[in-house]
Amino acid sequence: MGCCTRQCSMITLCILQLIATTERLVFDFLGFMWVPMLVGFLNIIFVLFGIFGSYQYRPKFMIVYSLWQLLWLGWNIFIICLYLEAGILSLEQHQYMLTFNTSSSESWWIEHGFNCSVTYNITTLPSGISTSERIGVTGCLLDYRYIEVIHAAVQCFLCVLGIAGAMVMVKKFNEEEDSFDFIGGFDSSYTAYNSHAQKPPATMQLEPIYVDARHRGLR
């Protein structure tokens, strides 16, 4: 099956979305960020819808992909506002929206950012078990909040391109179907007329093609 420019561009964009979402899922998994992981898995599923719809010329699949991308865009905008603490949002108060309110869940980039130095307070219990508590993180070239914002901003950019590309593909598919109907490709009345015109008659009258010799003599 051939691949036109717009079709190949849409499939390439979906593949980029898969790569970006998978990369983000890996770090969310390392930080046990359960809600972003769940939403990310859903995004992968619907991006596969977009790839299949582009390759197989399925407008309905592209529409489903576009509707999800609107939700995905809204989710990433919410992530940006949450980490930047825009308006009434506060990361400390609304952390449960990302972690299902589990204490071990936090962004992996808090301790593993670029050039970050983590200070721990190690305590030894009477039972001999040692526990460590993070006191602070210093020296980071980029705060973990901005790293999360960059990830979400990249998703927003790809999402906007995906919605625009999907609308273009749906319009293209509809135009191709309309042009094919015009020449009788899917025109039911045209097909019925042709089939009726080419159908041989049910009965046929037979006529002799020669005359018996006996009758010739009588002439």
N, C-alpha and C. Protein backbone atom coordinates (compact mmCIF):
# COMPACT_ATOMS: atom_id res chain seq x y z
N MET A 1 0.85 -1.20 0.00
CA MET A 1 0.00 0.00 0.00
C MET A 1 0.88 1.24 0.00
N GLY A 2 0.55 2.17 -0.92
CA GLY A 2 1.35 3.36 -1.01
C GLY A 2 1.13 4.30 0.16
N CYS A 3 1.98 5.28 0.23
CA CYS A 3 1.91 6.23 1.35
C CYS A 3 2.12 7.63 0.80
N CYS A 4 1.10 8.48 0.90
CA CYS A 4 1.24 9.84 0.41
C CYS A 4 1.96 10.69 1.45
N THR A 5 2.23 11.93 1.08
CA THR A 5 3.01 12.80 1.96
C THR A 5 2.29 13.06 3.27
N ARG A 6 1.00 13.42 3.21
CA ARG A 6 0.25 13.71 4.43
C ARG A 6 0.08 12.46 5.30
N GLN A 7 -0.14 11.34 4.65
CA GLN A 7 -0.31 10.10 5.40
C GLN A 7 0.99 9.72 6.12
N CYS A 8 2.10 9.78 5.42
CA CYS A 8 3.39 9.46 6.04
C CYS A 8 3.74 10.44 7.15
N SER A 9 3.40 11.72 6.95
CA SER A 9 3.68 12.72 7.98
C SER A 9 2.87 12.44 9.24
N MET A 10 1.62 12.03 9.08
CA MET A 10 0.77 11.72 10.23
C MET A 10 1.28 10.51 10.97
N ILE A 11 1.68 9.48 10.25
CA ILE A 11 2.21 8.28 10.90
C ILE A 11 3.51 8.59 11.62
N THR A 12 4.37 9.40 11.00
CA THR A 12 5.63 9.79 11.65
C THR A 12 5.37 10.57 12.93
N LEU A 13 4.39 11.47 12.89
CA LEU A 13 4.04 12.25 14.09
C LEU A 13 3.54 11.33 15.20
N CYS A 14 2.73 10.35 14.86
CA CYS A 14 2.24 9.41 15.87
C CYS A 14 3.38 8.59 16.47
N ILE A 15 4.35 8.22 15.64
CA ILE A 15 5.50 7.48 16.16
C ILE A 15 6.31 8.34 17.12
N LEU A 16 6.46 9.62 16.81
CA LEU A 16 7.15 10.54 17.73
C LEU A 16 6.39 10.65 19.05
N GLN A 17 5.06 10.66 18.97
CA GLN A 17 4.25 10.69 20.19
C GLN A 17 4.46 9.43 21.02
N LEU A 18 4.55 8.29 20.35
CA LEU A 18 4.80 7.04 21.07
C LEU A 18 6.14 7.07 21.78
N ILE A 19 7.16 7.56 21.09
CA ILE A 19 8.49 7.62 21.70
C ILE A 19 8.50 8.56 22.90
N ALA A 20 7.91 9.75 22.73
CA ALA A 20 7.89 10.73 23.82
C ALA A 20 7.09 10.23 25.01
N THR A 21 5.95 9.58 24.74
CA THR A 21 5.12 9.07 25.83
C THR A 21 5.80 7.92 26.55
N THR A 22 6.46 7.04 25.80
CA THR A 22 7.16 5.91 26.43
C THR A 22 8.31 6.40 27.31
N GLU A 23 9.05 7.40 26.81
CA GLU A 23 10.14 7.96 27.62
C GLU A 23 9.61 8.56 28.92
N ARG A 24 8.49 9.23 28.82
CA ARG A 24 7.89 9.82 30.02
C ARG A 24 7.37 8.75 30.97
N LEU A 25 6.81 7.67 30.40
CA LEU A 25 6.31 6.58 31.23
C LEU A 25 7.42 5.92 32.04
N VAL A 26 8.59 5.79 31.45
CA VAL A 26 9.71 5.17 32.15
C VAL A 26 10.05 5.93 33.43
N PHE A 27 10.16 7.24 33.33
CA PHE A 27 10.52 8.03 34.50
C PHE A 27 9.36 8.14 35.50
N ASP A 28 8.12 8.11 35.00
CA ASP A 28 6.99 8.07 35.92
C ASP A 28 6.96 6.75 36.69
N PHE A 29 7.34 5.67 36.01
CA PHE A 29 7.39 4.38 36.68
C PHE A 29 8.49 4.35 37.75
N LEU A 30 9.63 4.94 37.44
CA LEU A 30 10.72 4.98 38.41
C LEU A 30 10.35 5.79 39.65
N GLY A 31 9.47 6.77 39.48
CA GLY A 31 9.04 7.58 40.62
C GLY A 31 7.71 7.14 41.20
N PHE A 32 7.16 6.02 40.68
CA PHE A 32 5.87 5.49 41.15
C PHE A 32 4.76 6.54 41.05
N MET A 33 4.77 7.26 39.95
CA MET A 33 3.73 8.25 39.68
C MET A 33 2.59 7.53 38.95
N TRP A 34 1.64 7.03 39.73
CA TRP A 34 0.67 6.09 39.19
C TRP A 34 -0.34 6.76 38.24
N VAL A 35 -0.84 7.92 38.58
CA VAL A 35 -1.84 8.56 37.72
C VAL A 35 -1.25 8.94 36.36
N PRO A 36 -0.09 9.61 36.31
CA PRO A 36 0.50 9.88 34.99
C PRO A 36 0.80 8.61 34.19
N MET A 37 1.16 7.53 34.88
CA MET A 37 1.41 6.27 34.17
C MET A 37 0.13 5.76 33.52
N LEU A 38 -0.98 5.79 34.27
CA LEU A 38 -2.25 5.32 33.73
C LEU A 38 -2.69 6.13 32.52
N VAL A 39 -2.60 7.44 32.65
CA VAL A 39 -3.00 8.31 31.53
C VAL A 39 -2.05 8.13 30.35
N GLY A 40 -0.78 7.91 30.63
CA GLY A 40 0.19 7.69 29.56
C GLY A 40 -0.08 6.42 28.79
N PHE A 41 -0.47 5.34 29.49
CA PHE A 41 -0.82 4.09 28.80
C PHE A 41 -2.03 4.30 27.90
N LEU A 42 -3.02 5.05 28.37
CA LEU A 42 -4.18 5.34 27.53
C LEU A 42 -3.77 6.12 26.29
N ASN A 43 -2.84 7.05 26.44
CA ASN A 43 -2.39 7.81 25.29
C ASN A 43 -1.71 6.92 24.26
N ILE A 44 -0.93 5.96 24.71
CA ILE A 44 -0.28 5.03 23.77
C ILE A 44 -1.34 4.26 22.98
N ILE A 45 -2.39 3.81 23.66
CA ILE A 45 -3.44 3.05 22.98
C ILE A 45 -4.11 3.89 21.90
N PHE A 46 -4.45 5.13 22.23
CA PHE A 46 -5.15 5.97 21.26
C PHE A 46 -4.23 6.46 20.15
N VAL A 47 -2.95 6.60 20.42
CA VAL A 47 -2.01 6.94 19.35
C VAL A 47 -1.90 5.78 18.36
N LEU A 48 -1.98 4.55 18.85
CA LEU A 48 -2.02 3.40 17.94
C LEU A 48 -3.28 3.44 17.08
N PHE A 49 -4.38 3.92 17.64
CA PHE A 49 -5.58 4.15 16.83
C PHE A 49 -5.27 5.12 15.69
N GLY A 50 -4.53 6.18 16.01
CA GLY A 50 -4.19 7.15 14.99
C GLY A 50 -3.32 6.56 13.89
N ILE A 51 -2.36 5.73 14.26
CA ILE A 51 -1.49 5.09 13.26
C ILE A 51 -2.31 4.17 12.37
N PHE A 52 -3.15 3.35 12.99
CA PHE A 52 -3.97 2.41 12.22
C PHE A 52 -4.95 3.14 11.32
N GLY A 53 -5.57 4.21 11.85
CA GLY A 53 -6.52 4.96 11.05
C GLY A 53 -5.87 5.65 9.86
N SER A 54 -4.64 6.15 10.04
CA SER A 54 -3.93 6.80 8.94
C SER A 54 -3.53 5.80 7.87
N TYR A 55 -3.07 4.64 8.30
CA TYR A 55 -2.57 3.65 7.35
C TYR A 55 -3.70 2.95 6.59
N GLN A 56 -4.82 2.70 7.29
CA GLN A 56 -5.92 1.95 6.69
C GLN A 56 -7.05 2.85 6.17
N TYR A 57 -6.85 4.16 6.18
CA TYR A 57 -7.87 5.09 5.70
C TYR A 57 -9.19 4.91 6.46
N ARG A 58 -9.12 5.05 7.79
CA ARG A 58 -10.29 4.92 8.65
C ARG A 58 -10.60 6.26 9.31
N PRO A 59 -11.53 7.04 8.77
CA PRO A 59 -11.83 8.36 9.36
C PRO A 59 -12.33 8.28 10.80
N LYS A 60 -13.11 7.25 11.13
CA LYS A 60 -13.65 7.14 12.49
C LYS A 60 -12.53 6.95 13.51
N PHE A 61 -11.52 6.19 13.15
CA PHE A 61 -10.38 6.01 14.04
C PHE A 61 -9.65 7.34 14.26
N MET A 62 -9.55 8.13 13.22
CA MET A 62 -8.88 9.43 13.34
C MET A 62 -9.69 10.38 14.21
N ILE A 63 -11.01 10.29 14.13
CA ILE A 63 -11.85 11.14 14.98
C ILE A 63 -11.70 10.75 16.45
N VAL A 64 -11.68 9.44 16.72
CA VAL A 64 -11.46 8.98 18.10
C VAL A 64 -10.10 9.45 18.61
N TYR A 65 -9.10 9.34 17.76
CA TYR A 65 -7.76 9.80 18.13
C TYR A 65 -7.77 11.30 18.45
N SER A 66 -8.48 12.09 17.64
CA SER A 66 -8.52 13.54 17.85
C SER A 66 -9.21 13.89 19.16
N LEU A 67 -10.31 13.21 19.46
CA LEU A 67 -11.03 13.49 20.70
C LEU A 67 -10.16 13.18 21.92
N TRP A 68 -9.43 12.07 21.85
CA TRP A 68 -8.54 11.76 22.98
C TRP A 68 -7.42 12.78 23.10
N GLN A 69 -6.91 13.23 21.97
CA GLN A 69 -5.82 14.19 22.01
C GLN A 69 -6.26 15.50 22.66
N LEU A 70 -7.54 15.84 22.54
CA LEU A 70 -8.04 17.02 23.24
C LEU A 70 -7.97 16.81 24.76
N LEU A 71 -8.34 15.61 25.21
CA LEU A 71 -8.23 15.30 26.64
C LEU A 71 -6.77 15.26 27.09
N TRP A 72 -5.93 14.68 26.25
CA TRP A 72 -4.50 14.59 26.56
C TRP A 72 -3.87 15.99 26.63
N LEU A 73 -4.32 16.87 25.77
CA LEU A 73 -3.83 18.25 25.80
C LEU A 73 -4.24 18.92 27.12
N GLY A 74 -5.51 18.73 27.52
CA GLY A 74 -5.97 19.30 28.78
C GLY A 74 -5.22 18.75 29.97
N TRP A 75 -4.89 17.45 29.95
CA TRP A 75 -4.14 16.85 31.05
C TRP A 75 -2.75 17.46 31.17
N ASN A 76 -2.08 17.63 30.07
CA ASN A 76 -0.72 18.18 30.11
C ASN A 76 -0.72 19.65 30.50
N ILE A 77 -1.74 20.37 30.10
CA ILE A 77 -1.85 21.76 30.56
C ILE A 77 -2.04 21.80 32.07
N PHE A 78 -2.83 20.87 32.59
CA PHE A 78 -3.01 20.78 34.04
C PHE A 78 -1.69 20.46 34.74
N ILE A 79 -0.89 19.57 34.17
CA ILE A 79 0.42 19.22 34.76
C ILE A 79 1.32 20.45 34.80
N ILE A 80 1.32 21.21 33.71
CA ILE A 80 2.15 22.42 33.67
C ILE A 80 1.71 23.41 34.76
N CYS A 81 0.41 23.62 34.87
CA CYS A 81 -0.10 24.56 35.87
C CYS A 81 0.17 24.06 37.28
N LEU A 82 0.10 22.74 37.50
CA LEU A 82 0.33 22.20 38.83
C LEU A 82 1.77 22.37 39.26
N TYR A 83 2.72 22.05 38.39
CA TYR A 83 4.13 22.16 38.77
C TYR A 83 4.58 23.62 38.86
N LEU A 84 3.92 24.49 38.12
CA LEU A 84 4.24 25.92 38.24
C LEU A 84 3.40 26.59 39.32
N GLU A 85 2.49 25.82 39.91
CA GLU A 85 1.61 26.30 40.99
C GLU A 85 0.87 27.56 40.54
N ALA A 86 0.24 27.42 39.38
CA ALA A 86 -0.53 28.54 38.84
C ALA A 86 -1.89 28.63 39.54
N GLY A 87 -2.31 29.83 39.86
CA GLY A 87 -3.61 30.03 40.48
C GLY A 87 -3.69 29.42 41.87
N ILE A 88 -4.75 28.63 42.09
CA ILE A 88 -4.97 28.02 43.40
C ILE A 88 -4.26 26.68 43.54
N LEU A 89 -3.59 26.23 42.50
CA LEU A 89 -2.92 24.93 42.55
C LEU A 89 -1.64 25.02 43.37
N SER A 90 -1.44 24.00 44.19
CA SER A 90 -0.23 23.90 45.00
C SER A 90 0.27 22.46 44.91
N LEU A 91 1.54 22.28 44.59
CA LEU A 91 2.07 20.94 44.41
C LEU A 91 2.02 20.12 45.70
N GLU A 92 2.26 20.75 46.83
CA GLU A 92 2.24 20.03 48.09
C GLU A 92 0.83 19.61 48.47
N GLN A 93 -0.15 20.45 48.20
CA GLN A 93 -1.53 20.15 48.58
C GLN A 93 -2.23 19.23 47.59
N HIS A 94 -1.83 19.29 46.33
CA HIS A 94 -2.51 18.52 45.29
C HIS A 94 -1.63 17.39 44.73
N GLN A 95 -0.63 16.97 45.48
CA GLN A 95 0.23 15.89 45.05
C GLN A 95 -0.54 14.59 44.86
N TYR A 96 -1.62 14.42 45.65
CA TYR A 96 -2.40 13.19 45.58
C TYR A 96 -3.03 12.98 44.21
N MET A 97 -3.20 14.05 43.42
CA MET A 97 -3.76 13.91 42.09
C MET A 97 -2.84 13.16 41.14
N LEU A 98 -1.57 13.06 41.50
CA LEU A 98 -0.59 12.38 40.66
C LEU A 98 -0.16 11.03 41.22
N THR A 99 -0.38 10.80 42.50
CA THR A 99 0.24 9.64 43.16
C THR A 99 -0.75 8.72 43.87
N PHE A 100 -2.04 8.95 43.73
CA PHE A 100 -3.03 8.19 44.49
C PHE A 100 -2.77 8.28 45.99
N ASN A 101 -2.17 9.39 46.42
CA ASN A 101 -1.92 9.68 47.83
C ASN A 101 -1.02 8.62 48.49
N THR A 102 -0.02 8.13 47.76
CA THR A 102 0.95 7.20 48.33
C THR A 102 2.23 7.96 48.66
N SER A 103 2.77 7.70 49.85
CA SER A 103 3.91 8.48 50.35
C SER A 103 5.20 8.24 49.57
N SER A 104 5.33 7.07 48.94
CA SER A 104 6.57 6.74 48.23
C SER A 104 6.60 7.29 46.82
N SER A 105 5.56 7.96 46.39
CA SER A 105 5.47 8.45 45.02
C SER A 105 5.94 9.89 44.94
N GLU A 106 6.85 10.15 44.05
CA GLU A 106 7.33 11.50 43.79
C GLU A 106 8.08 11.49 42.47
N SER A 107 8.32 12.65 41.94
CA SER A 107 9.02 12.74 40.67
C SER A 107 10.44 12.17 40.79
N TRP A 108 10.82 11.34 39.84
CA TRP A 108 12.14 10.73 39.84
C TRP A 108 13.22 11.79 39.71
N TRP A 109 12.89 12.92 39.12
CA TRP A 109 13.88 13.96 38.87
C TRP A 109 14.24 14.76 40.12
N ILE A 110 13.54 14.55 41.22
CA ILE A 110 13.87 15.29 42.44
C ILE A 110 15.29 14.98 42.89
N GLU A 111 15.65 13.71 42.89
CA GLU A 111 16.98 13.29 43.35
C GLU A 111 17.94 13.00 42.22
N HIS A 112 17.43 12.81 41.02
CA HIS A 112 18.28 12.37 39.91
C HIS A 112 18.37 13.40 38.81
N GLY A 113 18.16 14.66 39.15
CA GLY A 113 18.31 15.71 38.15
C GLY A 113 19.77 15.94 37.80
N PHE A 114 19.99 16.79 36.84
CA PHE A 114 21.35 17.05 36.35
C PHE A 114 22.17 17.75 37.44
N ASN A 115 23.27 17.08 37.84
CA ASN A 115 24.23 17.63 38.81
C ASN A 115 23.62 17.84 40.21
N CYS A 116 22.57 17.08 40.53
CA CYS A 116 21.93 17.22 41.85
C CYS A 116 22.74 16.50 42.92
N SER A 117 22.81 17.11 44.09
CA SER A 117 23.47 16.52 45.26
C SER A 117 22.44 16.39 46.38
N VAL A 118 22.21 15.15 46.82
CA VAL A 118 21.17 14.86 47.81
C VAL A 118 21.82 14.65 49.17
N THR A 119 21.25 15.27 50.20
CA THR A 119 21.73 15.12 51.57
C THR A 119 20.73 14.30 52.36
N TYR A 120 21.23 13.23 53.03
CA TYR A 120 20.37 12.34 53.80
C TYR A 120 20.72 12.42 55.28
N ASN A 121 19.73 12.17 56.11
CA ASN A 121 19.91 12.03 57.55
C ASN A 121 19.70 10.56 57.89
N ILE A 122 20.77 9.87 58.23
CA ILE A 122 20.71 8.42 58.50
C ILE A 122 20.52 8.20 59.99
N THR A 123 19.51 7.43 60.34
CA THR A 123 19.19 7.13 61.73
C THR A 123 19.22 5.63 61.93
N THR A 124 19.86 5.20 63.02
CA THR A 124 19.93 3.78 63.34
C THR A 124 18.98 3.49 64.50
N LEU A 125 18.03 2.62 64.27
CA LEU A 125 17.06 2.25 65.29
C LEU A 125 17.66 1.28 66.29
N PRO A 126 17.07 1.16 67.49
CA PRO A 126 17.58 0.19 68.49
C PRO A 126 17.63 -1.24 67.98
N SER A 127 16.76 -1.55 67.03
CA SER A 127 16.77 -2.91 66.48
C SER A 127 17.91 -3.14 65.51
N GLY A 128 18.68 -2.10 65.24
CA GLY A 128 19.82 -2.23 64.32
C GLY A 128 19.49 -1.88 62.89
N ILE A 129 18.26 -1.52 62.62
CA ILE A 129 17.85 -1.17 61.26
C ILE A 129 18.13 0.32 61.04
N SER A 130 18.75 0.65 59.91
CA SER A 130 19.08 2.04 59.58
C SER A 130 18.05 2.60 58.61
N THR A 131 17.62 3.79 58.88
CA THR A 131 16.68 4.48 58.00
C THR A 131 17.31 5.80 57.55
N SER A 132 16.97 6.19 56.36
CA SER A 132 17.51 7.44 55.82
C SER A 132 16.37 8.36 55.43
N GLU A 133 16.54 9.61 55.69
CA GLU A 133 15.54 10.63 55.36
C GLU A 133 16.22 11.75 54.60
N ARG A 134 15.63 12.11 53.48
CA ARG A 134 16.23 13.15 52.65
C ARG A 134 16.02 14.51 53.32
N ILE A 135 17.13 15.21 53.48
CA ILE A 135 17.07 16.54 54.10
C ILE A 135 16.90 17.61 53.04
N GLY A 136 17.67 17.50 51.97
CA GLY A 136 17.58 18.51 50.93
C GLY A 136 18.32 18.09 49.68
N VAL A 137 18.06 18.81 48.60
CA VAL A 137 18.69 18.56 47.31
C VAL A 137 19.26 19.89 46.82
N THR A 138 20.54 19.88 46.50
CA THR A 138 21.21 21.12 46.09
C THR A 138 22.01 20.90 44.81
N GLY A 139 22.39 21.99 44.19
CA GLY A 139 23.29 21.95 43.04
C GLY A 139 22.66 21.56 41.72
N CYS A 140 21.35 21.43 41.65
CA CYS A 140 20.70 20.99 40.41
C CYS A 140 20.80 22.09 39.34
N LEU A 141 21.17 21.68 38.15
CA LEU A 141 21.21 22.64 37.05
C LEU A 141 19.82 23.11 36.66
N LEU A 142 18.84 22.23 36.83
CA LEU A 142 17.46 22.56 36.49
C LEU A 142 16.55 21.89 37.51
N ASP A 143 15.68 22.67 38.11
CA ASP A 143 14.77 22.14 39.11
C ASP A 143 13.86 21.09 38.50
N TYR A 144 13.51 20.08 39.29
CA TYR A 144 12.71 18.97 38.77
C TYR A 144 11.35 19.43 38.25
N ARG A 145 10.82 20.50 38.83
CA ARG A 145 9.53 20.99 38.37
C ARG A 145 9.61 21.46 36.92
N TYR A 146 10.69 22.12 36.58
CA TYR A 146 10.83 22.60 35.20
C TYR A 146 11.06 21.45 34.23
N ILE A 147 11.71 20.39 34.71
CA ILE A 147 11.88 19.21 33.85
C ILE A 147 10.53 18.59 33.53
N GLU A 148 9.67 18.48 34.55
CA GLU A 148 8.33 17.95 34.32
C GLU A 148 7.52 18.87 33.41
N VAL A 149 7.69 20.15 33.56
CA VAL A 149 6.99 21.11 32.70
C VAL A 149 7.44 20.97 31.25
N ILE A 150 8.74 20.76 31.05
CA ILE A 150 9.26 20.59 29.68
C ILE A 150 8.67 19.34 29.05
N HIS A 151 8.61 18.24 29.83
CA HIS A 151 8.01 17.01 29.31
C HIS A 151 6.56 17.26 28.88
N ALA A 152 5.80 17.94 29.73
CA ALA A 152 4.39 18.21 29.41
C ALA A 152 4.26 19.16 28.22
N ALA A 153 5.15 20.14 28.12
CA ALA A 153 5.09 21.09 27.01
C ALA A 153 5.37 20.39 25.67
N VAL A 154 6.31 19.46 25.67
CA VAL A 154 6.59 18.69 24.44
C VAL A 154 5.35 17.91 24.02
N GLN A 155 4.68 17.31 25.00
CA GLN A 155 3.46 16.56 24.69
C GLN A 155 2.37 17.48 24.14
N CYS A 156 2.26 18.68 24.69
CA CYS A 156 1.27 19.64 24.19
C CYS A 156 1.56 20.01 22.74
N PHE A 157 2.83 20.23 22.42
CA PHE A 157 3.21 20.59 21.05
C PHE A 157 2.86 19.48 20.08
N LEU A 158 3.24 18.25 20.43
CA LEU A 158 2.92 17.11 19.56
C LEU A 158 1.42 16.89 19.47
N CYS A 159 0.72 17.16 20.55
CA CYS A 159 -0.72 16.96 20.59
C CYS A 159 -1.43 17.92 19.63
N VAL A 160 -1.03 19.17 19.65
CA VAL A 160 -1.64 20.16 18.74
C VAL A 160 -1.39 19.77 17.28
N LEU A 161 -0.17 19.35 16.98
CA LEU A 161 0.13 18.89 15.62
C LEU A 161 -0.69 17.66 15.26
N GLY A 162 -0.87 16.77 16.22
CA GLY A 162 -1.65 15.56 15.96
C GLY A 162 -3.10 15.86 15.66
N ILE A 163 -3.71 16.77 16.41
CA ILE A 163 -5.11 17.13 16.17
C ILE A 163 -5.26 17.77 14.78
N ALA A 164 -4.37 18.70 14.44
CA ALA A 164 -4.43 19.34 13.13
C ALA A 164 -4.22 18.32 12.01
N GLY A 165 -3.24 17.43 12.19
CA GLY A 165 -2.99 16.41 11.17
C GLY A 165 -4.16 15.46 11.00
N ALA A 166 -4.79 15.09 12.10
CA ALA A 166 -5.93 14.17 12.03
C ALA A 166 -7.10 14.81 11.29
N MET A 167 -7.36 16.09 11.54
CA MET A 167 -8.44 16.78 10.84
C MET A 167 -8.17 16.85 9.34
N VAL A 168 -6.91 17.09 8.97
CA VAL A 168 -6.55 17.12 7.56
C VAL A 168 -6.76 15.75 6.92
N MET A 169 -6.39 14.69 7.64
CA MET A 169 -6.56 13.34 7.10
C MET A 169 -8.03 12.98 6.94
N VAL A 170 -8.86 13.35 7.92
CA VAL A 170 -10.30 13.06 7.82
C VAL A 170 -10.90 13.78 6.62
N LYS A 171 -10.52 15.04 6.42
CA LYS A 171 -11.02 15.79 5.27
C LYS A 171 -10.57 15.15 3.97
N LYS A 172 -9.34 14.70 3.94
CA LYS A 172 -8.81 14.06 2.73
C LYS A 172 -9.55 12.76 2.43
N PHE A 173 -9.79 11.95 3.46
CA PHE A 173 -10.51 10.68 3.26
C PHE A 173 -11.91 10.94 2.74
N ASN A 174 -12.60 11.93 3.29
CA ASN A 174 -13.96 12.23 2.85
C ASN A 174 -13.98 12.72 1.42
N GLU A 175 -13.00 13.55 1.03
CA GLU A 175 -12.95 14.03 -0.34
C GLU A 175 -12.70 12.89 -1.31
N GLU A 176 -11.85 11.94 -0.95
CA GLU A 176 -11.58 10.81 -1.83
C GLU A 176 -12.81 9.93 -1.97
N GLU A 177 -13.55 9.73 -0.88
CA GLU A 177 -14.76 8.92 -0.96
C GLU A 177 -15.82 9.60 -1.82
N ASP A 178 -15.95 10.93 -1.69
CA ASP A 178 -16.93 11.66 -2.50
C ASP A 178 -16.58 11.60 -3.98
N SER A 179 -15.31 11.74 -4.33
CA SER A 179 -14.90 11.69 -5.72
C SER A 179 -15.09 10.29 -6.30
N PHE A 180 -14.92 9.27 -5.48
CA PHE A 180 -15.12 7.92 -5.97
C PHE A 180 -16.60 7.62 -6.16
N ASP A 181 -17.45 8.17 -5.31
CA ASP A 181 -18.90 8.02 -5.49
C ASP A 181 -19.36 8.69 -6.78
N PHE A 182 -18.71 9.81 -7.13
CA PHE A 182 -19.13 10.57 -8.31
C PHE A 182 -18.97 9.76 -9.59
N ILE A 183 -17.95 8.94 -9.67
CA ILE A 183 -17.73 8.14 -10.88
C ILE A 183 -18.41 6.79 -10.80
N GLY A 184 -19.22 6.58 -9.76
CA GLY A 184 -19.98 5.35 -9.68
C GLY A 184 -19.33 4.26 -8.89
N GLY A 185 -18.29 4.58 -8.10
CA GLY A 185 -17.61 3.55 -7.35
C GLY A 185 -18.47 2.92 -6.29
N PHE A 186 -19.22 3.77 -5.53
CA PHE A 186 -20.06 3.26 -4.48
C PHE A 186 -21.54 3.63 -4.70
N ASP A 187 -21.86 4.10 -5.92
CA ASP A 187 -23.22 4.53 -6.21
C ASP A 187 -24.10 3.30 -6.40
N SER A 188 -25.02 3.07 -5.48
CA SER A 188 -25.82 1.86 -5.51
C SER A 188 -26.76 1.85 -6.71
N SER A 189 -27.34 3.04 -7.03
CA SER A 189 -28.27 3.10 -8.16
C SER A 189 -27.55 2.83 -9.47
N TYR A 190 -26.30 3.36 -9.59
CA TYR A 190 -25.50 3.13 -10.79
C TYR A 190 -25.17 1.65 -10.94
N THR A 191 -24.81 1.03 -9.86
CA THR A 191 -24.45 -0.39 -9.90
C THR A 191 -25.67 -1.24 -10.22
N ALA A 192 -26.83 -0.89 -9.61
CA ALA A 192 -28.04 -1.66 -9.86
C ALA A 192 -28.47 -1.53 -11.31
N TYR A 193 -28.31 -0.32 -11.89
CA TYR A 193 -28.69 -0.10 -13.29
C TYR A 193 -27.82 -0.94 -14.21
N ASN A 194 -26.51 -0.95 -13.99
CA ASN A 194 -25.60 -1.71 -14.84
C ASN A 194 -25.88 -3.20 -14.76
N SER A 195 -26.10 -3.68 -13.53
CA SER A 195 -26.34 -5.11 -13.37
C SER A 195 -27.63 -5.52 -14.06
N HIS A 196 -28.64 -4.61 -14.03
CA HIS A 196 -29.91 -4.92 -14.70
C HIS A 196 -29.76 -4.86 -16.21
N ALA A 197 -28.95 -3.92 -16.70
CA ALA A 197 -28.78 -3.76 -18.14
C ALA A 197 -28.00 -4.92 -18.75
N GLN A 198 -27.07 -5.49 -18.00
CA GLN A 198 -26.24 -6.55 -18.53
C GLN A 198 -26.84 -7.94 -18.30
N LYS A 199 -27.94 -8.01 -17.57
CA LYS A 199 -28.54 -9.31 -17.26
C LYS A 199 -29.25 -9.84 -18.50
N PRO A 200 -29.00 -11.06 -18.95
CA PRO A 200 -29.66 -11.60 -20.14
C PRO A 200 -31.14 -11.84 -19.87
N PRO A 201 -31.96 -11.81 -20.88
CA PRO A 201 -33.40 -12.05 -20.69
C PRO A 201 -33.64 -13.45 -20.16
N ALA A 202 -34.74 -13.59 -19.40
CA ALA A 202 -35.04 -14.88 -18.76
C ALA A 202 -35.43 -15.93 -19.80
N THR A 203 -36.16 -15.53 -20.86
CA THR A 203 -36.60 -16.48 -21.91
C THR A 203 -36.12 -15.98 -23.26
N MET A 204 -35.93 -16.92 -24.17
CA MET A 204 -35.47 -16.55 -25.51
C MET A 204 -36.24 -17.37 -26.54
N GLN A 205 -36.75 -16.71 -27.57
CA GLN A 205 -37.51 -17.39 -28.61
C GLN A 205 -36.54 -17.99 -29.63
N LEU A 206 -36.69 -19.29 -29.88
CA LEU A 206 -35.82 -20.00 -30.81
C LEU A 206 -36.45 -20.04 -32.19
N GLU A 207 -35.66 -19.86 -33.24
CA GLU A 207 -36.13 -19.92 -34.62
C GLU A 207 -35.26 -20.90 -35.40
N PRO A 208 -35.81 -21.63 -36.34
CA PRO A 208 -35.00 -22.59 -37.12
C PRO A 208 -34.02 -21.86 -38.02
N ILE A 209 -32.86 -22.44 -38.18
CA ILE A 209 -31.85 -21.81 -39.02
C ILE A 209 -31.70 -22.52 -40.36
N TYR A 210 -32.45 -23.59 -40.56
CA TYR A 210 -32.42 -24.25 -41.88
C TYR A 210 -33.81 -24.83 -42.14
N VAL A 211 -34.05 -25.18 -43.40
CA VAL A 211 -35.35 -25.75 -43.81
C VAL A 211 -35.13 -27.20 -44.20
N ASP A 212 -36.06 -28.04 -43.81
CA ASP A 212 -35.94 -29.47 -44.09
C ASP A 212 -35.91 -29.69 -45.60
N ALA A 213 -35.14 -30.69 -46.08
CA ALA A 213 -34.99 -30.96 -47.51
C ALA A 213 -36.29 -31.32 -48.16
N ARG A 214 -37.18 -31.98 -47.39
CA ARG A 214 -38.48 -32.38 -47.89
C ARG A 214 -39.31 -31.18 -48.30
N HIS A 215 -39.22 -30.14 -47.48
CA HIS A 215 -39.95 -28.93 -47.79
C HIS A 215 -39.35 -28.20 -48.98
N ARG A 216 -38.04 -28.35 -49.20
CA ARG A 216 -37.42 -27.72 -50.36
C ARG A 216 -37.99 -28.33 -51.65
N GLY A 217 -38.15 -29.66 -51.65
CA GLY A 217 -38.66 -30.32 -52.85
C GLY A 217 -40.07 -29.89 -53.19
N LEU A 218 -40.83 -29.65 -52.16
CA LEU A 218 -42.19 -29.22 -52.40
C LEU A 218 -42.23 -27.86 -53.08
N ARG A 219 -41.16 -27.05 -52.80
CA ARG A 219 -41.11 -25.78 -53.48
C ARG A 219 -40.74 -25.99 -54.94
